[in-house]
Amino acid sequence: MAQAAVLGANDGIISISSLAIGVASASDARDPVLLATVAGLVAGALSMAAGEYVSVSSQTDIETADIEREKRELQEMPVEEMKILAAIYEKRGLKPDTAMQVAKELTEADALAAHVRDELGIHEMNQAKPVQAAVASGAAFTAGGVLPLLVTLFSPVANMEYFLYGVTILSLIILGVVSAKSGGASVGKAILRIVIWGTMAMLISALVGYVFGVNV
């Protein structure tokens, strides 16, 4: 969950900063930049939430279909299903007799729960929750996107691109450290990767603003 929140915030920072830099490069006033930033933040958060909801809902549908299929198989071929369960435990290191005994006891207690957990790999902790995922995704994007929004509000208009770049890179470095530590990855590589790609996104946005922009 922490890793997903960091990634969502990272998306928010890079997306909104790149948008703000692109508009700032084509404008001598604060209002157009501010308007574009707010619109991008709202649209981005809603898009992230909607996309996550659809994705997790699809996962939920698949899990539900798998569980229903498992119910039918337990009714139609209970012996074969018990053997499947025993084979799973045997692969995990139990002796064949012990594995079969465990399978029998778990089947007697709650056959469906045992198969859902050990055969399908669906646990209560990782079971898909569409609304929760959508809210978390939208909130993480918003949390990241608020930072460039604050820069567009309070930084000097003349040098807004540089302030946006500086704050964004600093924020990305912090997020890179958090992401690396939470995932057990190399901090240096995480920072380098996130700074390079973030810089590329903002430079391209600025270039588009300079090339195609008209003062507004």
Protein backbone atom coordinates (compact mmCIF):
# COMPACT_ATOMS: atom_id res chain seq x y z
CA MET A 1 0.00 0.00 0.00
CA ALA A 2 2.83 2.40 0.89
CA GLN A 3 4.57 1.64 -2.41
CA ALA A 4 1.37 2.31 -4.36
CA ALA A 5 0.87 5.62 -2.53
CA VAL A 6 4.40 6.72 -3.37
CA LEU A 7 3.92 5.82 -7.04
CA GLY A 8 0.60 7.69 -7.15
CA ALA A 9 2.17 10.79 -5.60
CA ASN A 10 5.07 10.51 -8.03
CA ASP A 11 2.62 10.47 -10.96
CA GLY A 12 0.85 13.51 -9.56
CA ILE A 13 4.04 15.52 -9.14
CA ILE A 14 5.49 14.75 -12.57
CA SER A 15 2.20 15.08 -14.48
CA ILE A 16 1.11 18.37 -12.93
CA SER A 17 4.61 19.89 -12.89
CA SER A 18 5.11 19.02 -16.56
CA LEU A 19 1.74 20.53 -17.44
CA ALA A 20 2.44 23.69 -15.44
CA ILE A 21 5.91 24.11 -16.96
CA GLY A 22 4.53 23.67 -20.47
CA VAL A 23 1.90 26.36 -19.96
CA ALA A 24 4.27 28.66 -18.04
CA SER A 25 6.72 28.48 -20.96
CA ALA A 26 4.01 29.90 -23.23
CA SER A 27 2.54 32.48 -20.88
CA ASP A 28 3.57 35.71 -19.19
CA ALA A 29 0.70 35.61 -16.69
CA ARG A 30 -0.10 33.49 -13.64
CA ASP A 31 -3.80 32.86 -14.30
CA PRO A 32 -3.45 30.57 -17.35
CA VAL A 33 -0.82 28.47 -15.55
CA LEU A 34 -2.95 28.26 -12.42
CA LEU A 35 -6.07 27.35 -14.41
CA ALA A 36 -4.26 24.62 -16.33
CA THR A 37 -2.71 23.26 -13.15
CA VAL A 38 -6.00 23.06 -11.27
CA ALA A 39 -7.76 21.51 -14.27
CA GLY A 40 -4.94 19.00 -14.69
CA LEU A 41 -4.98 18.12 -11.00
CA VAL A 42 -8.74 17.51 -10.94
CA ALA A 43 -8.77 15.62 -14.24
CA GLY A 44 -5.71 13.57 -13.29
CA ALA A 45 -7.04 12.57 -9.89
CA LEU A 46 -10.42 11.57 -11.32
CA SER A 47 -8.77 9.70 -14.17
CA MET A 48 -6.48 7.80 -11.79
CA ALA A 49 -9.40 6.94 -9.51
CA ALA A 50 -11.61 5.82 -12.40
CA GLY A 51 -8.84 3.76 -13.97
CA GLU A 52 -8.01 2.08 -10.68
CA TYR A 53 -11.68 1.36 -10.01
CA VAL A 54 -12.15 -0.28 -13.41
CA SER A 55 -8.93 -2.27 -13.06
CA VAL A 56 -9.65 -3.54 -9.55
CA SER A 57 -13.30 -4.20 -10.41
CA SER A 58 -12.12 -6.45 -13.25
CA GLN A 59 -9.84 -8.23 -10.80
CA THR A 60 -12.77 -8.64 -8.41
CA ASP A 61 -14.90 -10.14 -11.20
CA ILE A 62 -12.14 -12.64 -11.99
CA GLU A 63 -11.77 -13.59 -8.32
CA THR A 64 -15.53 -14.04 -7.97
CA ALA A 65 -15.67 -16.23 -11.08
CA ASP A 66 -12.77 -18.33 -9.76
CA ILE A 67 -14.51 -18.83 -6.42
CA GLU A 68 -17.77 -19.84 -8.11
CA ARG A 69 -15.90 -22.33 -10.29
CA GLU A 70 -14.19 -23.73 -7.19
CA LYS A 71 -17.58 -24.22 -5.51
CA ARG A 72 -18.81 -26.27 -8.47
CA GLU A 73 -15.66 -28.37 -8.56
CA LEU A 74 -15.93 -29.13 -4.83
CA GLN A 75 -19.49 -30.34 -5.37
CA GLU A 76 -18.76 -32.36 -8.51
CA MET A 77 -15.36 -33.90 -7.67
CA PRO A 78 -14.54 -33.52 -3.96
CA VAL A 79 -11.98 -36.35 -3.92
CA GLU A 80 -9.96 -34.88 -6.80
CA GLU A 81 -10.08 -31.45 -5.16
CA MET A 82 -8.75 -32.89 -1.91
CA LYS A 83 -5.87 -34.48 -3.83
CA ILE A 84 -5.11 -31.11 -5.42
CA LEU A 85 -5.00 -29.52 -1.98
CA ALA A 86 -2.73 -32.29 -0.66
CA ALA A 87 -0.40 -31.85 -3.63
CA ILE A 88 -0.10 -28.15 -2.86
CA TYR A 89 0.94 -28.87 0.73
CA GLU A 90 3.34 -31.56 -0.42
CA LYS A 91 5.05 -29.06 -2.73
CA ARG A 92 5.45 -26.77 0.26
CA GLY A 93 7.49 -29.41 2.06
CA LEU A 94 5.07 -31.70 3.87
CA LYS A 95 5.37 -35.47 3.59
CA PRO A 96 2.65 -37.10 1.43
CA ASP A 97 0.80 -38.65 4.38
CA THR A 98 0.99 -35.43 6.38
CA ALA A 99 -0.10 -33.36 3.38
CA MET A 100 -3.15 -35.57 2.83
CA GLN A 101 -4.05 -35.42 6.53
CA VAL A 102 -3.84 -31.63 6.52
CA ALA A 103 -5.96 -31.49 3.35
CA LYS A 104 -8.60 -33.73 4.94
CA GLU A 105 -8.78 -31.69 8.15
CA LEU A 106 -8.98 -28.36 6.32
CA THR A 107 -11.61 -29.76 3.94
CA GLU A 108 -13.71 -30.92 6.88
CA ALA A 109 -13.38 -27.51 8.55
CA ASP A 110 -14.08 -25.34 5.45
CA ALA A 111 -13.25 -26.82 2.07
CA LEU A 112 -14.01 -23.68 0.06
CA ALA A 113 -11.92 -21.42 2.32
CA ALA A 114 -8.96 -23.80 2.07
CA HIS A 115 -9.09 -23.91 -1.74
CA VAL A 116 -9.66 -20.18 -2.11
CA ARG A 117 -6.68 -19.48 0.11
CA ASP A 118 -4.21 -22.17 -0.95
CA GLU A 119 -5.22 -23.08 -4.52
CA LEU A 120 -6.43 -19.71 -5.82
CA GLY A 121 -4.16 -17.59 -3.63
CA ILE A 122 -6.94 -15.20 -2.61
CA HIS A 123 -6.57 -13.86 0.91
CA GLU A 124 -8.72 -11.38 2.79
CA MET A 125 -5.77 -8.98 3.05
CA ASN A 126 -5.10 -8.90 -0.71
CA GLN A 127 -8.65 -9.32 -1.96
CA ALA A 128 -9.55 -6.61 -4.46
CA LYS A 129 -11.55 -3.64 -3.08
CA PRO A 130 -12.43 -1.32 -6.00
CA VAL A 131 -13.75 1.70 -4.08
CA GLN A 132 -10.89 1.67 -1.58
CA ALA A 133 -8.33 1.36 -4.39
CA ALA A 134 -9.93 4.18 -6.37
CA VAL A 135 -9.98 6.56 -3.40
CA ALA A 136 -6.38 5.74 -2.49
CA SER A 137 -5.16 6.23 -6.06
CA GLY A 138 -6.95 9.55 -6.49
CA ALA A 139 -5.79 10.80 -3.10
CA ALA A 140 -2.14 9.85 -3.77
CA PHE A 141 -2.19 11.65 -7.14
CA THR A 142 -3.77 14.71 -5.53
CA ALA A 143 -1.20 14.76 -2.73
CA GLY A 144 1.60 14.83 -5.28
CA GLY A 145 -0.11 17.31 -7.60
CA VAL A 146 -0.74 19.84 -4.82
CA LEU A 147 3.00 20.59 -4.61
CA PRO A 148 3.33 22.11 -8.11
CA LEU A 149 -0.02 23.80 -7.60
CA LEU A 150 1.40 25.63 -4.58
CA VAL A 151 4.41 26.67 -6.65
CA THR A 152 2.16 28.17 -9.34
CA LEU A 153 0.34 30.09 -6.62
CA PHE A 154 3.29 31.63 -4.82
CA SER A 155 6.38 31.64 -7.06
CA PRO A 156 7.33 34.65 -9.24
CA VAL A 157 5.77 34.41 -12.68
CA ALA A 158 8.98 35.36 -14.48
CA ASN A 159 10.92 32.37 -13.14
CA MET A 160 8.08 29.97 -12.46
CA GLU A 161 9.53 27.19 -14.63
CA TYR A 162 12.72 27.09 -12.55
CA PHE A 163 10.85 27.03 -9.25
CA LEU A 164 8.61 24.25 -10.55
CA TYR A 165 11.61 22.24 -11.69
CA GLY A 166 13.49 22.71 -8.42
CA VAL A 167 10.58 21.81 -6.16
CA THR A 168 9.62 18.87 -8.35
CA ILE A 169 13.14 17.39 -8.42
CA LEU A 170 13.49 17.80 -4.66
CA SER A 171 10.11 16.13 -4.11
CA LEU A 172 10.99 13.32 -6.51
CA ILE A 173 14.27 12.68 -4.69
CA ILE A 174 12.41 12.39 -1.38
CA LEU A 175 9.85 10.06 -2.92
CA GLY A 176 12.64 8.04 -4.54
CA VAL A 177 14.28 7.51 -1.16
CA VAL A 178 10.97 6.50 0.45
CA SER A 179 10.14 4.17 -2.43
CA ALA A 180 13.56 2.52 -2.37
CA LYS A 181 13.53 2.00 1.38
CA SER A 182 9.99 0.62 1.44
CA GLY A 183 10.80 -1.77 -1.40
CA GLY A 184 14.31 -2.70 -0.25
CA ALA A 185 15.88 -1.37 -3.47
CA SER A 186 18.99 0.70 -4.09
CA VAL A 187 18.42 4.32 -3.01
CA GLY A 188 20.96 5.69 -5.50
CA LYS A 189 19.41 3.92 -8.48
CA ALA A 190 15.89 4.94 -7.44
CA ILE A 191 16.89 8.60 -7.18
CA LEU A 192 18.80 8.57 -10.47
CA ARG A 193 15.95 6.89 -12.33
CA ILE A 194 13.25 9.17 -10.99
CA VAL A 195 15.28 12.36 -11.53
CA ILE A 196 16.23 11.46 -15.11
CA TRP A 197 12.70 10.58 -16.20
CA GLY A 198 11.15 13.47 -14.30
CA THR A 199 13.60 15.91 -15.88
CA MET A 200 12.93 14.53 -19.35
CA ALA A 201 9.17 14.92 -18.90
CA MET A 202 9.50 18.52 -17.75
CA LEU A 203 12.05 19.50 -20.41
CA ILE A 204 9.88 18.09 -23.20
CA SER A 205 6.84 19.92 -21.78
CA ALA A 206 8.82 23.17 -21.62
CA LEU A 207 10.02 22.67 -25.20
CA VAL A 208 6.46 22.15 -26.39
CA GLY A 209 5.44 25.34 -24.60
CA TYR A 210 8.23 27.35 -26.23
CA VAL A 211 7.72 25.91 -29.72
CA PHE A 212 3.94 25.90 -29.95
CA GLY A 213 2.98 28.39 -27.29
CA VAL A 214 1.47 31.76 -27.85
CA ASN A 215 1.42 34.33 -25.08
CA VAL A 216 -1.93 34.10 -23.32
